[in-house]
C-alpha cells in the first residue's frame, strides 16, 4: 500500500554502483559507503522506524544487496526506471553528473512522486531462481548463435573443430538448463498452473512458456494495453498537427518480442509483418487473460486488426 506524501518525512536518494552506494537524504550533504551489507546496514539503521522512502535505480543487479538491507530494516523502497529518472533530470535542463549529484536527483525525484511510486517488493525465491535460470539460458543461446555464425567462415580446420566442440558443450548446458527450468516449474504449484494456462494458447511452446513466466511475472494482473506495451508490440502514436508518422512498436522487455515473433509464425500461415505484429500482440494479451481467468483454451479464431 502506498503512503501519502504527508507521511513521508525523508526521501533517501541512493546512487548505486558496483562497489559503492552514495546516499542523500534531501540535504546537500551526501555519504558514500561500500556496496556491502554491513556497511549499508550501518548507514541505513538511523532511518529504521522512521517514515522514510528510499529511491534507487535499477542497475542490472548491483542494487540487490541494498534492496535486501532495506527490506531487512523495513524501509520502503522504490526501484526507479533509469529512463524515467534521466528524463526527469533533463526536464530541468541540468547536465552535471556524478554520484553525489545523482543521489540528490533521486531524492528529489522521490519527493516529487512519492504518492505514485510503487513500492519495491521482494520476489518469491522460486520466481527469482526461474528468472536467473532463464536469463542464463538466453545468454547461452546467444553464444550458440555467435559460434554458429563463426563456424560459417572459420578460416582454419583447428578453429572449426574448436567451435564445434564449444557448440556441443553449449548444447549440453542448454539442455541441462531446460531440465532444471522444467523441474522448477513442475515443483511450484503457482508456476505449474500458470504454465498450463500458457500452453493452452496456440503458438506458445516449451521455450516461450518459461520465458513469459520469468520476464513478465505480472501476467494475469495486467490489462490488454499494459501487457502489449510490456511485450513491445503496442504501436505508439507519433502525430503532430497534420503530420502523421509511422506508429512504431518499440520499448517493452526486449527478451519477449523475438520469442513472440516465432510464436506468431507458428500460429499463422501468412508472413506479412503487419499481420505478424498484430498476432504477436494478440498472443500476449490472450496469455495474460488466460492466466488471469484460469480458463481452458477455446478454439476460437483470433481476429487480426492489422
C-alpha atoms as a PDB file:
ATOM      1  CA  UNK A   1       0.000   0.000   0.000  1.00  0.00           C
ATOM      2  CA  UNK A   2       1.396   3.383  -0.971  1.00  0.00           C
ATOM      3  CA  UNK A   3       1.969   6.068   1.619  1.00  0.00           C
ATOM      4  CA  UNK A   4       0.647   9.569   1.164  1.00  0.00           C
ATOM      5  CA  UNK A   5       3.207  12.332   0.583  1.00  0.00           C
ATOM      6  CA  UNK A   6       2.453  13.839   4.029  1.00  0.00           C
ATOM      7  CA  UNK A   7       3.537  10.597   5.700  1.00  0.00           C
ATOM      8  CA  UNK A   8       6.985  10.705   4.101  1.00  0.00           C
ATOM      9  CA  UNK A   9       9.343  12.754   6.247  1.00  0.00           C
ATOM     10  CA  UNK A  10      12.544  11.789   4.441  1.00  0.00           C
ATOM     11  CA  UNK A  11      13.316  10.536   0.937  1.00  0.00           C
ATOM     12  CA  UNK A  12      16.670   8.823   0.585  1.00  0.00           C
ATOM     13  CA  UNK A  13      18.300   9.015  -2.814  1.00  0.00           C
ATOM     14  CA  UNK A  14      20.718   6.125  -3.311  1.00  0.00           C
ATOM     15  CA  UNK A  15      23.030   6.100  -6.313  1.00  0.00           C
ATOM     16  CA  UNK A  16      24.313   2.548  -6.756  1.00  0.00           C
ATOM     17  CA  UNK A  17      27.475   1.405  -8.488  1.00  0.00           C
ATOM     18  CA  UNK A  18      29.271  -1.924  -8.427  1.00  0.00           C
ATOM     19  CA  UNK A  19      31.466  -1.048  -5.432  1.00  0.00           C
ATOM     20  CA  UNK A  20      29.767   1.878  -3.670  1.00  0.00           C
ATOM     21  CA  UNK A  21      26.411   3.416  -2.782  1.00  0.00           C
ATOM     22  CA  UNK A  22      26.033   7.186  -2.369  1.00  0.00           C
ATOM     23  CA  UNK A  23      23.251   8.330  -0.020  1.00  0.00           C
ATOM     24  CA  UNK A  24      21.456  11.676   0.072  1.00  0.00           C
ATOM     25  CA  UNK A  25      18.571  12.395   2.468  1.00  0.00           C
ATOM     26  CA  UNK A  26      17.416  15.526   0.666  1.00  0.00           C
ATOM     27  CA  UNK A  27      20.055  17.868   2.013  1.00  0.00           C
ATOM     28  CA  UNK A  28      23.230  18.934   0.236  1.00  0.00           C
ATOM     29  CA  UNK A  29      25.344  16.550   2.300  1.00  0.00           C
ATOM     30  CA  UNK A  30      25.948  13.065   0.850  1.00  0.00           C
ATOM     31  CA  UNK A  31      27.668   9.944   2.166  1.00  0.00           C
ATOM     32  CA  UNK A  32      29.349   7.196   0.146  1.00  0.00           C
ATOM     33  CA  UNK A  33      29.655   3.693   1.610  1.00  0.00           C
ATOM     34  CA  UNK A  34      30.757   0.319   0.291  1.00  0.00           C
ATOM     35  CA  UNK A  35      28.128  -1.685  -1.571  1.00  0.00           C
ATOM     36  CA  UNK A  36      28.224  -4.373   1.113  1.00  0.00           C
ATOM     37  CA  UNK A  37      25.525  -5.491   3.527  1.00  0.00           C
ATOM     38  CA  UNK A  38      27.323  -4.492   6.751  1.00  0.00           C
ATOM     39  CA  UNK A  39      28.265  -1.016   5.518  1.00  0.00           C
ATOM     40  CA  UNK A  40      24.795  -0.373   4.128  1.00  0.00           C
ATOM     41  CA  UNK A  41      23.134  -1.630   7.302  1.00  0.00           C
ATOM     42  CA  UNK A  42      25.192   0.750   9.429  1.00  0.00           C
ATOM     43  CA  UNK A  43      24.406   3.703   7.139  1.00  0.00           C
ATOM     44  CA  UNK A  44      20.671   2.978   6.957  1.00  0.00           C
ATOM     45  CA  UNK A  45      19.917   1.992  10.566  1.00  0.00           C
ATOM     46  CA  UNK A  46      19.289   5.628  11.660  1.00  0.00           C
ATOM     47  CA  UNK A  47      16.315   5.658   9.268  1.00  0.00           C
ATOM     48  CA  UNK A  48      14.803   2.429  10.612  1.00  0.00           C
ATOM     49  CA  UNK A  49      11.379   3.010  12.137  1.00  0.00           C
ATOM     50  CA  UNK A  50      11.001   6.454  10.551  1.00  0.00           C
ATOM     51  CA  UNK A  51       8.696   7.475   7.714  1.00  0.00           C
ATOM     52  CA  UNK A  52      11.433   7.223   5.105  1.00  0.00           C
ATOM     53  CA  UNK A  53      11.223   6.261   1.437  1.00  0.00           C
ATOM     54  CA  UNK A  54      14.381   5.009  -0.290  1.00  0.00           C
ATOM     55  CA  UNK A  55      14.769   5.508  -4.043  1.00  0.00           C
ATOM     56  CA  UNK A  56      17.412   3.816  -6.186  1.00  0.00           C
ATOM     57  CA  UNK A  57      17.742   2.966  -9.864  1.00  0.00           C
ATOM     58  CA  UNK A  58      17.758  -0.455 -11.486  1.00  0.00           C
ATOM     59  CA  UNK A  59      21.420  -1.187 -12.204  1.00  0.00           C
ATOM     60  CA  UNK A  60      21.392  -4.719 -13.540  1.00  0.00           C
ATOM     61  CA  UNK A  61      21.713  -6.393 -10.152  1.00  0.00           C
ATOM     62  CA  UNK A  62      24.158  -4.108  -8.325  1.00  0.00           C
ATOM     63  CA  UNK A  63      21.218  -2.832  -6.265  1.00  0.00           C
ATOM     64  CA  UNK A  64      20.230  -6.273  -4.926  1.00  0.00           C
ATOM     65  CA  UNK A  65      22.308  -6.036  -1.737  1.00  0.00           C
ATOM     66  CA  UNK A  66      20.902  -2.572  -1.000  1.00  0.00           C
ATOM     67  CA  UNK A  67      17.311  -3.698  -1.514  1.00  0.00           C
ATOM     68  CA  UNK A  68      17.894  -6.701   0.729  1.00  0.00           C
ATOM     69  CA  UNK A  69      19.146  -4.468   3.555  1.00  0.00           C
ATOM     70  CA  UNK A  70      16.223  -2.052   3.095  1.00  0.00           C
ATOM     71  CA  UNK A  71      13.824  -4.999   3.307  1.00  0.00           C
ATOM     72  CA  UNK A  72      15.567  -6.251   6.446  1.00  0.00           C
ATOM     73  CA  UNK A  73      15.248  -2.809   8.078  1.00  0.00           C
ATOM     74  CA  UNK A  74      11.610  -2.441   6.909  1.00  0.00           C
ATOM     75  CA  UNK A  75      12.386   0.766   4.997  1.00  0.00           C
ATOM     76  CA  UNK A  76      10.038   1.175   1.986  1.00  0.00           C
ATOM     77  CA  UNK A  77      11.901   1.403  -1.306  1.00  0.00           C
ATOM     78  CA  UNK A  78      11.245   2.232  -4.943  1.00  0.00           C
ATOM     79  CA  UNK A  79      13.458   0.852  -7.719  1.00  0.00           C
ATOM     80  CA  UNK A  80      13.199   3.512 -10.403  1.00  0.00           C
ATOM     81  CA  UNK A  81      13.351   3.120 -14.160  1.00  0.00           C
ATOM     82  CA  UNK A  82      16.629   4.829 -15.187  1.00  0.00           C
ATOM     83  CA  UNK A  83      14.999   6.217 -18.342  1.00  0.00           C
ATOM     84  CA  UNK A  84      12.316   7.982 -16.290  1.00  0.00           C
ATOM     85  CA  UNK A  85      14.871   9.432 -13.893  1.00  0.00           C
ATOM     86  CA  UNK A  86      17.017  10.618 -16.801  1.00  0.00           C
ATOM     87  CA  UNK A  87      14.000  12.302 -18.417  1.00  0.00           C
ATOM     88  CA  UNK A  88      13.090  13.912 -15.082  1.00  0.00           C
ATOM     89  CA  UNK A  89      16.582  15.388 -14.704  1.00  0.00           C
ATOM     90  CA  UNK A  90      16.633  16.525 -18.346  1.00  0.00           C
ATOM     91  CA  UNK A  91      13.359  18.419 -17.782  1.00  0.00           C
ATOM     92  CA  UNK A  92      15.321  20.799 -15.525  1.00  0.00           C
ATOM     93  CA  UNK A  93      17.957  21.371 -18.194  1.00  0.00           C
ATOM     94  CA  UNK A  94      20.745  20.058 -15.979  1.00  0.00           C
ATOM     95  CA  UNK A  95      23.785  18.269 -17.417  1.00  0.00           C
ATOM     96  CA  UNK A  96      26.200  17.867 -14.484  1.00  0.00           C
ATOM     97  CA  UNK A  97      26.568  14.267 -13.373  1.00  0.00           C
ATOM     98  CA  UNK A  98      28.438  12.387 -10.672  1.00  0.00           C
ATOM     99  CA  UNK A  99      27.434  10.037  -7.863  1.00  0.00           C
ATOM    100  CA  UNK A 100      26.518  12.702  -5.247  1.00  0.00           C
ATOM    101  CA  UNK A 101      24.574  14.722  -7.830  1.00  0.00           C
ATOM    102  CA  UNK A 102      22.698  11.615  -8.973  1.00  0.00           C
ATOM    103  CA  UNK A 103      21.837  10.743  -5.359  1.00  0.00           C
ATOM    104  CA  UNK A 104      20.393  14.242  -4.836  1.00  0.00           C
ATOM    105  CA  UNK A 105      18.311  13.937  -8.001  1.00  0.00           C
ATOM    106  CA  UNK A 106      16.972  10.550  -6.898  1.00  0.00           C
ATOM    107  CA  UNK A 107      15.951  12.071  -3.570  1.00  0.00           C
ATOM    108  CA  UNK A 108      14.176  14.931  -5.332  1.00  0.00           C
ATOM    109  CA  UNK A 109      12.550  12.507  -7.796  1.00  0.00           C
ATOM    110  CA  UNK A 110      11.183  10.511  -4.859  1.00  0.00           C
ATOM    111  CA  UNK A 111       9.851  13.591  -3.058  1.00  0.00           C
ATOM    112  CA  UNK A 112       8.024  14.852  -6.129  1.00  0.00           C
ATOM    113  CA  UNK A 113       6.449  11.467  -6.914  1.00  0.00           C
ATOM    114  CA  UNK A 114       6.085   9.820  -3.504  1.00  0.00           C
ATOM    115  CA  UNK A 115       2.333   9.331  -3.893  1.00  0.00           C
ATOM    116  CA  UNK A 116       2.572   7.467  -7.203  1.00  0.00           C
ATOM    117  CA  UNK A 117       5.802   5.468  -6.956  1.00  0.00           C
ATOM    118  CA  UNK A 118       5.152   1.728  -6.475  1.00  0.00           C
ATOM    119  CA  UNK A 119       6.982   0.226  -3.533  1.00  0.00           C
ATOM    120  CA  UNK A 120       9.516  -2.474  -4.300  1.00  0.00           C
ATOM    121  CA  UNK A 121       8.610  -5.962  -3.120  1.00  0.00           C
ATOM    122  CA  UNK A 122      10.933  -8.930  -2.893  1.00  0.00           C
ATOM    123  CA  UNK A 123      10.163 -11.630  -5.447  1.00  0.00           C
ATOM    124  CA  UNK A 124       9.331 -15.171  -4.413  1.00  0.00           C
ATOM    125  CA  UNK A 125      12.564 -17.244  -4.145  1.00  0.00           C
ATOM    126  CA  UNK A 126      11.265 -19.708  -6.730  1.00  0.00           C
ATOM    127  CA  UNK A 127      10.451 -16.856  -9.112  1.00  0.00           C
ATOM    128  CA  UNK A 128      13.915 -15.371  -8.575  1.00  0.00           C
ATOM    129  CA  UNK A 129      15.558 -18.706  -9.354  1.00  0.00           C
ATOM    130  CA  UNK A 130      13.452 -19.077 -12.505  1.00  0.00           C
ATOM    131  CA  UNK A 131      14.479 -15.604 -13.675  1.00  0.00           C
ATOM    132  CA  UNK A 132      18.160 -16.426 -13.147  1.00  0.00           C
ATOM    133  CA  UNK A 133      17.908 -19.753 -14.982  1.00  0.00           C
ATOM    134  CA  UNK A 134      16.017 -18.251 -17.928  1.00  0.00           C
ATOM    135  CA  UNK A 135      18.469 -15.332 -18.145  1.00  0.00           C
ATOM    136  CA  UNK A 136      21.380 -17.768 -18.221  1.00  0.00           C
ATOM    137  CA  UNK A 137      19.668 -19.834 -20.901  1.00  0.00           C
ATOM    138  CA  UNK A 138      19.240 -16.714 -23.034  1.00  0.00           C
ATOM    139  CA  UNK A 139      22.962 -15.986 -22.610  1.00  0.00           C
ATOM    140  CA  UNK A 140      23.919 -19.488 -23.754  1.00  0.00           C
ATOM    141  CA  UNK A 141      21.556 -19.357 -26.733  1.00  0.00           C
ATOM    142  CA  UNK A 142      23.134 -16.037 -27.783  1.00  0.00           C
ATOM    143  CA  UNK A 143      26.599 -17.626 -27.506  1.00  0.00           C
ATOM    144  CA  UNK A 144      25.409 -20.549 -29.620  1.00  0.00           C
ATOM    145  CA  UNK A 145      24.231 -18.214 -32.375  1.00  0.00           C
ATOM    146  CA  UNK A 146      27.582 -16.395 -32.310  1.00  0.00           C
ATOM    147  CA  UNK A 147      29.522 -19.644 -32.606  1.00  0.00           C
ATOM    148  CA  UNK A 148      27.274 -20.907 -35.401  1.00  0.00           C
ATOM    149  CA  UNK A 149      27.987 -17.707 -37.319  1.00  0.00           C
ATOM    150  CA  UNK A 150      31.744 -18.101 -36.761  1.00  0.00           C
ATOM    151  CA  UNK A 151      31.587 -21.685 -37.998  1.00  0.00           C
ATOM    152  CA  UNK A 152      30.445 -20.437 -41.422  1.00  0.00           C
ATOM    153  CA  UNK A 153      33.912 -18.937 -42.024  1.00  0.00           C
ATOM    154  CA  UNK A 154      36.375 -20.471 -39.550  1.00  0.00           C
ATOM    155  CA  UNK A 155      39.454 -19.954 -41.815  1.00  0.00           C
ATOM    156  CA  UNK A 156      41.164 -22.879 -40.101  1.00  0.00           C
ATOM    157  CA  UNK A 157      40.334 -26.544 -39.505  1.00  0.00           C
ATOM    158  CA  UNK A 158      41.647 -26.273 -35.944  1.00  0.00           C
ATOM    159  CA  UNK A 159      39.364 -23.326 -35.223  1.00  0.00           C
ATOM    160  CA  UNK A 160      36.414 -25.117 -36.842  1.00  0.00           C
ATOM    161  CA  UNK A 161      36.960 -28.163 -34.621  1.00  0.00           C
ATOM    162  CA  UNK A 162      37.241 -25.918 -31.578  1.00  0.00           C
ATOM    163  CA  UNK A 163      33.979 -24.165 -32.458  1.00  0.00           C
ATOM    164  CA  UNK A 164      32.188 -27.499 -32.931  1.00  0.00           C
ATOM    165  CA  UNK A 165      33.417 -28.665 -29.530  1.00  0.00           C
ATOM    166  CA  UNK A 166      32.197 -25.433 -27.959  1.00  0.00           C
ATOM    167  CA  UNK A 167      28.811 -25.765 -29.683  1.00  0.00           C
ATOM    168  CA  UNK A 168      28.430 -29.300 -28.350  1.00  0.00           C
ATOM    169  CA  UNK A 169      29.273 -28.071 -24.856  1.00  0.00           C
ATOM    170  CA  UNK A 170      26.777 -25.220 -25.156  1.00  0.00           C
ATOM    171  CA  UNK A 171      24.081 -27.678 -26.250  1.00  0.00           C
ATOM    172  CA  UNK A 172      24.726 -29.805 -23.166  1.00  0.00           C
ATOM    173  CA  UNK A 173      24.470 -26.786 -20.884  1.00  0.00           C
ATOM    174  CA  UNK A 174      21.282 -25.568 -22.576  1.00  0.00           C
ATOM    175  CA  UNK A 175      19.666 -28.997 -22.234  1.00  0.00           C
ATOM    176  CA  UNK A 176      20.669 -29.113 -18.560  1.00  0.00           C
ATOM    177  CA  UNK A 177      19.101 -25.693 -18.003  1.00  0.00           C
ATOM    178  CA  UNK A 178      15.944 -26.772 -19.830  1.00  0.00           C
ATOM    179  CA  UNK A 179      15.639 -29.741 -17.477  1.00  0.00           C
ATOM    180  CA  UNK A 180      16.271 -27.571 -14.412  1.00  0.00           C
ATOM    181  CA  UNK A 181      13.711 -24.989 -15.545  1.00  0.00           C
ATOM    182  CA  UNK A 182      11.111 -27.679 -16.242  1.00  0.00           C
ATOM    183  CA  UNK A 183      11.664 -29.272 -12.837  1.00  0.00           C
ATOM    184  CA  UNK A 184      11.428 -25.899 -11.089  1.00  0.00           C
ATOM    185  CA  UNK A 185       8.119 -25.073 -12.779  1.00  0.00           C
ATOM    186  CA  UNK A 186       6.761 -28.533 -12.008  1.00  0.00           C
ATOM    187  CA  UNK A 187       7.624 -28.233  -8.309  1.00  0.00           C
ATOM    188  CA  UNK A 188       5.818 -24.898  -7.900  1.00  0.00           C
ATOM    189  CA  UNK A 189       2.042 -25.085  -7.810  1.00  0.00           C
ATOM    190  CA  UNK A 190       1.654 -21.460  -8.882  1.00  0.00           C
ATOM    191  CA  UNK A 191       4.157 -21.682 -11.747  1.00  0.00           C
ATOM    192  CA  UNK A 192       2.728 -25.017 -12.902  1.00  0.00           C
ATOM    193  CA  UNK A 193      -0.805 -23.574 -13.016  1.00  0.00           C
ATOM    194  CA  UNK A 194       0.279 -20.520 -14.988  1.00  0.00           C
ATOM    195  CA  UNK A 195       2.401 -22.653 -17.315  1.00  0.00           C
ATOM    196  CA  UNK A 196      -0.595 -24.887 -18.026  1.00  0.00           C
ATOM    197  CA  UNK A 197      -2.699 -21.880 -18.983  1.00  0.00           C
ATOM    198  CA  UNK A 198       0.046 -20.516 -21.229  1.00  0.00           C
ATOM    199  CA  UNK A 199       0.449 -23.846 -23.040  1.00  0.00           C
ATOM    200  CA  UNK A 200      -3.254 -23.716 -23.914  1.00  0.00           C
ATOM    201  CA  UNK A 201      -2.613 -20.682 -26.158  1.00  0.00           C
ATOM    202  CA  UNK A 202      -1.842 -21.548 -29.824  1.00  0.00           C
ATOM    203  CA  UNK A 203       1.731 -20.648 -30.735  1.00  0.00           C
ATOM    204  CA  UNK A 204       3.118 -20.752 -27.184  1.00  0.00           C
ATOM    205  CA  UNK A 205       5.513 -23.680 -26.855  1.00  0.00           C
ATOM    206  CA  UNK A 206       8.003 -25.094 -24.333  1.00  0.00           C
ATOM    207  CA  UNK A 207      10.574 -22.337 -24.918  1.00  0.00           C
ATOM    208  CA  UNK A 208       8.200 -19.379 -24.661  1.00  0.00           C
ATOM    209  CA  UNK A 209       6.370 -20.620 -21.547  1.00  0.00           C
ATOM    210  CA  UNK A 210       9.284 -20.250 -19.075  1.00  0.00           C
ATOM    211  CA  UNK A 211      10.388 -17.043 -20.818  1.00  0.00           C
ATOM    212  CA  UNK A 212       6.985 -15.445 -20.231  1.00  0.00           C
ATOM    213  CA  UNK A 213       6.847 -16.680 -16.636  1.00  0.00           C
ATOM    214  CA  UNK A 214      10.299 -15.262 -15.914  1.00  0.00           C
ATOM    215  CA  UNK A 215      10.290 -11.997 -17.858  1.00  0.00           C
ATOM    216  CA  UNK A 216       6.638 -10.973 -17.350  1.00  0.00           C
ATOM    217  CA  UNK A 217       5.695 -12.336 -13.911  1.00  0.00           C
ATOM    218  CA  UNK A 218       2.864  -9.762 -13.904  1.00  0.00           C
ATOM    219  CA  UNK A 219       0.930 -11.882 -16.437  1.00  0.00           C
ATOM    220  CA  UNK A 220      -2.639 -12.197 -15.235  1.00  0.00           C
ATOM    221  CA  UNK A 221      -2.688  -8.843 -13.451  1.00  0.00           C
ATOM    222  CA  UNK A 222      -2.430  -6.516 -16.485  1.00  0.00           C
ATOM    223  CA  UNK A 223      -4.974  -5.200 -18.945  1.00  0.00           C
ATOM    224  CA  UNK A 224      -4.505  -5.817 -22.663  1.00  0.00           C
ATOM    225  CA  UNK A 225      -2.837  -2.472 -23.336  1.00  0.00           C
ATOM    226  CA  UNK A 226      -0.386  -2.819 -20.463  1.00  0.00           C
ATOM    227  CA  UNK A 227       0.694  -6.340 -21.388  1.00  0.00           C
ATOM    228  CA  UNK A 228       1.094  -5.428 -25.069  1.00  0.00           C
ATOM    229  CA  UNK A 229       3.266  -2.464 -24.124  1.00  0.00           C
ATOM    230  CA  UNK A 230       5.404  -4.596 -21.790  1.00  0.00           C
ATOM    231  CA  UNK A 231       5.961  -7.091 -24.600  1.00  0.00           C
ATOM    232  CA  UNK A 232       6.948  -4.323 -27.026  1.00  0.00           C
ATOM    233  CA  UNK A 233       4.139  -4.992 -29.510  1.00  0.00           C
ATOM    234  CA  UNK A 234       1.918  -1.961 -28.859  1.00  0.00           C
ATOM    235  CA  UNK A 235       2.029   0.679 -31.640  1.00  0.00           C
ATOM    236  CA  UNK A 236       2.723   4.101 -30.163  1.00  0.00           C
ATOM    237  CA  UNK A 237       1.209   7.162 -31.890  1.00  0.00           C
ATOM    238  CA  UNK A 238       3.538   9.819 -33.254  1.00  0.00           C
ATOM    239  CA  UNK A 239       1.342  12.628 -34.548  1.00  0.00           C
ATOM    240  CA  UNK A 240       1.699  16.388 -34.514  1.00  0.00           C
ATOM    241  CA  UNK A 241      -0.768  18.764 -36.128  1.00  0.00           C
ATOM    242  CA  UNK A 242      -1.427  17.495 -39.641  1.00  0.00           C
ATOM    243  CA  UNK A 243       1.612  15.230 -39.620  1.00  0.00           C
ATOM    244  CA  UNK A 244       1.027  11.534 -39.023  1.00  0.00           C
ATOM    245  CA  UNK A 245       4.155   9.415 -38.749  1.00  0.00           C
ATOM    246  CA  UNK A 246       4.563   5.680 -38.665  1.00  0.00           C
ATOM    247  CA  UNK A 247       3.386   4.150 -35.387  1.00  0.00           C
ATOM    248  CA  UNK A 248       6.307   2.026 -34.262  1.00  0.00           C
ATOM    249  CA  UNK A 249       6.163  -0.874 -31.817  1.00  0.00           C
ATOM    250  CA  UNK A 250       9.173  -0.165 -29.632  1.00  0.00           C
ATOM    251  CA  UNK A 251      10.099  -0.456 -25.979  1.00  0.00           C
ATOM    252  CA  UNK A 252       8.978  -3.160 -23.616  1.00  0.00           C
ATOM    253  CA  UNK A 253      11.069  -6.004 -22.247  1.00  0.00           C
ATOM    254  CA  UNK A 254      13.403  -6.832 -25.077  1.00  0.00           C
ATOM    255  CA  UNK A 255      13.614 -10.605 -24.484  1.00  0.00           C
ATOM    256  CA  UNK A 256       9.924 -11.156 -25.259  1.00  0.00           C
ATOM    257  CA  UNK A 257       9.472  -9.638 -28.718  1.00  0.00           C
ATOM    258  CA  UNK A 258      11.748 -12.055 -30.684  1.00  0.00           C
ATOM    259  CA  UNK A 259      10.164 -15.077 -28.984  1.00  0.00           C
ATOM    260  CA  UNK A 260       6.668 -13.767 -29.710  1.00  0.00           C
ATOM    261  CA  UNK A 261       7.651 -13.353 -33.351  1.00  0.00           C
ATOM    262  CA  UNK A 262       8.420 -17.082 -33.565  1.00  0.00           C
ATOM    263  CA  UNK A 263       5.169 -17.845 -31.746  1.00  0.00           C
ATOM    264  CA  UNK A 264       3.307 -15.703 -34.265  1.00  0.00           C
ATOM    265  CA  UNK A 265       4.927 -17.624 -37.141  1.00  0.00           C
ATOM    266  CA  UNK A 266       3.753 -20.862 -35.604  1.00  0.00           C
ATOM    267  CA  UNK A 267       0.244 -19.529 -35.060  1.00  0.00           C
ATOM    268  CA  UNK A 268      -0.419 -18.312 -38.593  1.00  0.00           C
ATOM    269  CA  UNK A 269       0.260 -19.252 -42.201  1.00  0.00           C
ATOM    270  CA  UNK A 270       0.969 -15.800 -43.574  1.00  0.00           C
ATOM    271  CA  UNK A 271       4.193 -13.893 -43.207  1.00  0.00           C
ATOM    272  CA  UNK A 272       3.235 -10.252 -43.637  1.00  0.00           C
ATOM    273  CA  UNK A 273       4.922  -8.186 -40.962  1.00  0.00           C
ATOM    274  CA  UNK A 274       1.848  -6.160 -40.075  1.00  0.00           C
ATOM    275  CA  UNK A 275      -0.188  -9.322 -39.585  1.00  0.00           C
ATOM    276  CA  UNK A 276       2.587 -10.914 -37.555  1.00  0.00           C
ATOM    277  CA  UNK A 277       2.848  -7.913 -35.243  1.00  0.00           C
ATOM    278  CA  UNK A 278      -0.908  -7.988 -34.698  1.00  0.00           C
ATOM    279  CA  UNK A 279      -0.755 -11.698 -33.895  1.00  0.00           C
ATOM    280  CA  UNK A 280       2.188 -11.160 -31.536  1.00  0.00           C
ATOM    281  CA  UNK A 281       0.116  -8.628 -29.649  1.00  0.00           C
ATOM    282  CA  UNK A 282      -2.897 -10.942 -29.626  1.00  0.00           C
ATOM    283  CA  UNK A 283      -0.889 -13.876 -28.289  1.00  0.00           C
ATOM    284  CA  UNK A 284       0.454 -11.936 -25.321  1.00  0.00           C
ATOM    285  CA  UNK A 285      -2.938 -10.422 -24.464  1.00  0.00           C
ATOM    286  CA  UNK A 286      -4.610 -13.848 -24.623  1.00  0.00           C
ATOM    287  CA  UNK A 287      -1.841 -15.310 -22.457  1.00  0.00           C
ATOM    288  CA  UNK A 288      -2.432 -12.545 -19.918  1.00  0.00           C
ATOM    289  CA  UNK A 289      -6.185 -13.203 -19.887  1.00  0.00           C
ATOM    290  CA  UNK A 290      -5.756 -16.989 -19.634  1.00  0.00           C
ATOM    291  CA  UNK A 291      -3.560 -16.708 -16.557  1.00  0.00           C
ATOM    292  CA  UNK A 292      -5.869 -14.091 -15.047  1.00  0.00           C
ATOM    293  CA  UNK A 293      -9.064 -16.038 -15.522  1.00  0.00           C
ATOM    294  CA  UNK A 294      -7.621 -19.589 -15.394  1.00  0.00           C
ATOM    295  CA  UNK A 295     -10.000 -20.678 -18.140  1.00  0.00           C
ATOM    296  CA  UNK A 296      -9.300 -23.618 -20.515  1.00  0.00           C
ATOM    297  CA  UNK A 297      -8.483 -22.558 -24.048  1.00  0.00           C
ATOM    298  CA  UNK A 298     -11.317 -22.443 -26.530  1.00  0.00           C
ATOM    299  CA  UNK A 299     -10.517 -22.973 -30.191  1.00  0.00           C
ATOM    300  CA  UNK A 300     -11.707 -19.568 -31.228  1.00  0.00           C
ATOM    301  CA  UNK A 301     -10.369 -17.701 -34.243  1.00  0.00           C
ATOM    302  CA  UNK A 302      -8.132 -14.815 -33.266  1.00  0.00           C
ATOM    303  CA  UNK A 303      -9.127 -11.675 -35.216  1.00  0.00           C
ATOM    304  CA  UNK A 304      -6.295  -9.668 -36.723  1.00  0.00           C
ATOM    305  CA  UNK A 305      -6.722  -5.907 -36.709  1.00  0.00           C
ATOM    306  CA  UNK A 306      -3.807  -5.043 -38.949  1.00  0.00           C
END
